[in-house]
């Protein structure tokens, strides 16, 4: 049985993570309570993704925190990552699952708008639902859905869901109240002077919201 914790899901961004870099940011953030880490670098080659992913895997070793690779299935397999996260416009979910096998996690972005489809629980392990707010880290995203839209899509999801899109510590309670199993953040940790402290603040908000 595959086990994962969506509570605090860090999506690494190569630009925002400067000057510390993605690997050091991830190390500090996990020490502060991050429960999952995703490597997302839309401009990187597969070779570069593998290089970064292997370094991330090394710093995550022994923490129990899964490493997820965004979109690049080939890199995820080469890294020996714990999972892959894909969008609605990438290869079909059945194709991804066939390539990665049954042991790796598979996450799917679920957004409003034409073409959005719910996750297939037979193939997908979790859904990333959003964007809750507009975000500069993914400028081509669908229109923001707010907490009302988040609640609607979470209710329709047959798999655990993590909220994403412009979320900060002050949004944690509302995201969890909407039914999300956790929050995915980028700039709330990446680029912060102290990623560990930023993660600790988010972790405390999650703990408080869950009572």
Protein backbone atom coordinates (compact mmCIF):
# COMPACT_ATOMS: atom_id res chain seq x y z
CA UNK A 1 0.00 0.00 0.00
CA UNK A 2 1.50 3.33 -1.09
CA UNK A 3 1.49 5.91 1.67
CA UNK A 4 1.99 9.63 1.35
CA UNK A 5 1.09 12.78 3.24
CA UNK A 6 -0.16 15.76 1.23
CA UNK A 7 -0.25 18.10 4.26
CA UNK A 8 2.54 20.42 3.12
CA UNK A 9 3.58 19.87 -0.49
CA UNK A 10 6.52 21.93 -1.72
CA UNK A 11 6.77 22.64 -5.46
CA UNK A 12 10.31 23.74 -6.24
CA UNK A 13 10.83 26.58 -8.73
CA UNK A 14 14.39 27.15 -10.01
CA UNK A 15 14.02 30.93 -10.25
CA UNK A 16 12.27 31.54 -6.94
CA UNK A 17 14.59 29.17 -5.08
CA UNK A 18 17.62 31.39 -5.74
CA UNK A 19 20.00 32.15 -4.17
CA UNK A 20 19.89 28.98 -2.04
CA UNK A 21 18.98 26.71 -4.95
CA UNK A 22 16.34 23.99 -5.10
CA UNK A 23 18.30 21.28 -3.30
CA UNK A 24 19.21 23.36 -0.23
CA UNK A 25 15.73 24.90 -0.15
CA UNK A 26 14.21 21.41 -0.10
CA UNK A 27 16.56 20.24 2.64
CA UNK A 28 15.70 23.15 4.90
CA UNK A 29 11.98 23.01 4.12
CA UNK A 30 11.74 19.31 4.94
CA UNK A 31 13.45 20.03 8.27
CA UNK A 32 10.63 22.52 8.83
CA UNK A 33 7.86 20.04 8.15
CA UNK A 34 7.34 19.71 4.38
CA UNK A 35 5.79 16.29 3.67
CA UNK A 36 6.23 16.03 -0.12
CA UNK A 37 8.61 17.65 -2.61
CA UNK A 38 8.02 18.18 -6.31
CA UNK A 39 10.76 19.09 -8.78
CA UNK A 40 9.29 21.42 -11.40
CA UNK A 41 11.53 23.07 -13.97
CA UNK A 42 9.80 23.69 -17.29
CA UNK A 43 12.96 24.90 -19.02
CA UNK A 44 15.33 22.13 -17.95
CA UNK A 45 16.42 19.31 -20.24
CA UNK A 46 15.79 15.74 -19.14
CA UNK A 47 19.51 15.42 -18.36
CA UNK A 48 19.39 18.50 -16.12
CA UNK A 49 16.21 17.23 -14.42
CA UNK A 50 17.96 13.95 -13.68
CA UNK A 51 21.01 15.75 -12.26
CA UNK A 52 18.88 17.91 -9.96
CA UNK A 53 16.59 15.03 -9.07
CA UNK A 54 19.45 12.79 -7.99
CA UNK A 55 20.78 15.57 -5.76
CA UNK A 56 17.31 16.03 -4.26
CA UNK A 57 16.93 12.31 -3.71
CA UNK A 58 20.19 12.33 -1.78
CA UNK A 59 19.10 15.10 0.63
CA UNK A 60 15.66 13.50 1.07
CA UNK A 61 17.12 10.06 1.84
CA UNK A 62 16.00 8.85 5.25
CA UNK A 63 13.40 11.60 5.73
CA UNK A 64 10.44 9.60 4.44
CA UNK A 65 9.49 12.55 2.23
CA UNK A 66 8.63 11.46 -1.35
CA UNK A 67 10.23 13.12 -4.38
CA UNK A 68 7.80 13.81 -7.22
CA UNK A 69 8.90 14.91 -10.71
CA UNK A 70 6.71 17.25 -12.73
CA UNK A 71 5.89 16.10 -16.27
CA UNK A 72 9.21 14.48 -17.23
CA UNK A 73 8.42 10.76 -16.94
CA UNK A 74 11.77 9.75 -18.42
CA UNK A 75 13.64 11.78 -15.79
CA UNK A 76 11.47 10.44 -12.97
CA UNK A 77 12.26 6.86 -13.93
CA UNK A 78 15.99 7.57 -14.30
CA UNK A 79 16.10 9.33 -10.91
CA UNK A 80 14.19 6.56 -9.20
CA UNK A 81 11.75 9.21 -7.99
CA UNK A 82 8.77 8.28 -5.85
CA UNK A 83 6.29 9.67 -8.32
CA UNK A 84 5.29 11.82 -11.28
CA UNK A 85 2.86 14.73 -11.49
CA UNK A 86 1.27 15.55 -14.83
CA UNK A 87 -1.17 18.10 -16.20
CA UNK A 88 -4.32 17.76 -18.23
CA UNK A 89 -2.49 18.46 -21.48
CA UNK A 90 0.32 15.95 -21.03
CA UNK A 91 0.28 12.32 -22.17
CA UNK A 92 -2.76 10.30 -21.11
CA UNK A 93 -2.89 9.02 -17.56
CA UNK A 94 -3.03 5.43 -18.75
CA UNK A 95 0.16 5.99 -20.79
CA UNK A 96 1.93 7.53 -17.80
CA UNK A 97 0.85 4.71 -15.49
CA UNK A 98 1.98 2.10 -18.01
CA UNK A 99 5.44 3.70 -18.17
CA UNK A 100 5.99 4.20 -14.44
CA UNK A 101 4.46 0.95 -13.21
CA UNK A 102 2.29 0.42 -10.17
CA UNK A 103 4.72 1.42 -7.42
CA UNK A 104 5.27 5.10 -8.25
CA UNK A 105 2.83 7.79 -7.18
CA UNK A 106 0.89 9.53 -9.93
CA UNK A 107 -0.54 13.00 -9.39
CA UNK A 108 -2.84 14.86 -11.77
CA UNK A 109 -3.56 18.58 -12.02
CA UNK A 110 -7.30 19.21 -12.00
CA UNK A 111 -8.48 22.66 -13.06
CA UNK A 112 -11.74 24.21 -14.17
CA UNK A 113 -12.41 24.91 -17.81
CA UNK A 114 -12.68 22.88 -20.98
CA UNK A 115 -10.89 19.56 -20.92
CA UNK A 116 -10.61 19.28 -17.17
CA UNK A 117 -11.29 15.74 -16.09
CA UNK A 118 -11.53 14.19 -12.66
CA UNK A 119 -8.77 11.86 -11.57
CA UNK A 120 -9.26 8.15 -12.26
CA UNK A 121 -8.85 6.46 -8.90
CA UNK A 122 -7.69 3.26 -10.61
CA UNK A 123 -4.68 5.09 -12.06
CA UNK A 124 -4.14 8.31 -10.09
CA UNK A 125 -3.05 8.57 -6.45
CA UNK A 126 -3.83 12.22 -5.77
CA UNK A 127 -5.10 15.38 -7.46
CA UNK A 128 -3.61 18.86 -7.39
CA UNK A 129 -6.60 21.21 -7.48
CA UNK A 130 -6.42 24.88 -8.41
CA UNK A 131 -5.30 27.47 -8.96
CA UNK A 132 -7.02 28.83 -5.88
CA UNK A 133 -5.50 32.26 -6.58
CA UNK A 134 -3.66 33.69 -9.59
CA UNK A 135 0.04 32.91 -9.43
CA UNK A 136 3.06 34.22 -11.30
CA UNK A 137 4.87 30.90 -10.96
CA UNK A 138 2.55 29.38 -13.56
CA UNK A 139 1.40 32.27 -15.77
CA UNK A 140 -0.44 30.05 -18.26
CA UNK A 141 -2.74 28.61 -15.61
CA UNK A 142 -6.53 28.42 -15.84
CA UNK A 143 -8.66 31.11 -14.13
CA UNK A 144 -8.44 31.13 -10.34
CA UNK A 145 -11.20 29.12 -8.67
CA UNK A 146 -11.18 30.51 -5.14
CA UNK A 147 -12.08 28.47 -2.10
CA UNK A 148 -15.61 27.88 -3.38
CA UNK A 149 -14.31 26.30 -6.57
CA UNK A 150 -11.77 24.34 -4.57
CA UNK A 151 -14.53 22.89 -2.38
CA UNK A 152 -16.57 21.90 -5.45
CA UNK A 153 -13.67 20.11 -7.14
CA UNK A 154 -12.49 18.44 -3.93
CA UNK A 155 -16.01 17.08 -3.43
CA UNK A 156 -15.89 15.57 -6.92
CA UNK A 157 -12.43 14.05 -6.52
CA UNK A 158 -12.28 10.29 -5.93
CA UNK A 159 -8.69 10.60 -4.70
CA UNK A 160 -6.97 12.74 -2.03
CA UNK A 161 -6.54 16.36 -3.11
CA UNK A 162 -3.97 19.06 -2.47
CA UNK A 163 -4.85 22.72 -3.03
CA UNK A 164 -2.47 24.83 -5.11
CA UNK A 165 -2.16 28.33 -6.49
CA UNK A 166 -0.87 31.39 -4.66
CA UNK A 167 -1.36 29.88 -1.21
CA UNK A 168 0.32 31.37 1.87
CA UNK A 169 0.19 30.55 5.58
CA UNK A 170 -2.92 32.71 6.06
CA UNK A 171 -4.82 30.57 3.51
CA UNK A 172 -4.18 27.18 5.11
CA UNK A 173 -7.30 27.07 7.30
CA UNK A 174 -9.63 27.97 4.42
CA UNK A 175 -8.03 25.42 2.08
CA UNK A 176 -8.39 22.62 4.61
CA UNK A 177 -11.93 23.76 5.46
CA UNK A 178 -12.75 23.38 1.75
CA UNK A 179 -11.86 19.71 2.08
CA UNK A 180 -8.30 19.65 0.75
CA UNK A 181 -5.97 17.10 2.33
CA UNK A 182 -3.13 19.61 2.24
CA UNK A 183 -1.67 22.71 0.61
CA UNK A 184 0.91 22.93 -2.15
CA UNK A 185 3.12 26.01 -2.04
CA UNK A 186 5.86 27.54 -4.14
CA UNK A 187 6.72 31.14 -3.18
CA UNK A 188 5.57 30.67 0.42
CA UNK A 189 8.80 28.69 0.87
CA UNK A 190 10.94 29.11 -2.27
CA UNK A 191 12.87 32.35 -2.13
CA UNK A 192 12.13 32.99 1.53
CA UNK A 193 15.15 34.02 3.55
CA UNK A 194 14.66 31.06 5.89
CA UNK A 195 12.84 28.18 4.14
CA UNK A 196 12.85 26.11 7.32
CA UNK A 197 11.11 28.83 9.33
CA UNK A 198 8.63 29.39 6.49
CA UNK A 199 7.82 25.67 6.45
CA UNK A 200 7.49 25.60 10.23
CA UNK A 201 4.97 28.46 10.08
CA UNK A 202 2.90 26.61 7.48
CA UNK A 203 3.12 23.39 9.47
CA UNK A 204 1.87 25.17 12.57
CA UNK A 205 -1.06 26.62 10.62
CA UNK A 206 -1.95 23.14 9.36
CA UNK A 207 -1.77 21.75 12.89
CA UNK A 208 -3.93 24.58 14.22
CA UNK A 209 -6.52 24.21 11.43
CA UNK A 210 -6.86 20.50 12.13
CA UNK A 211 -7.33 21.13 15.81
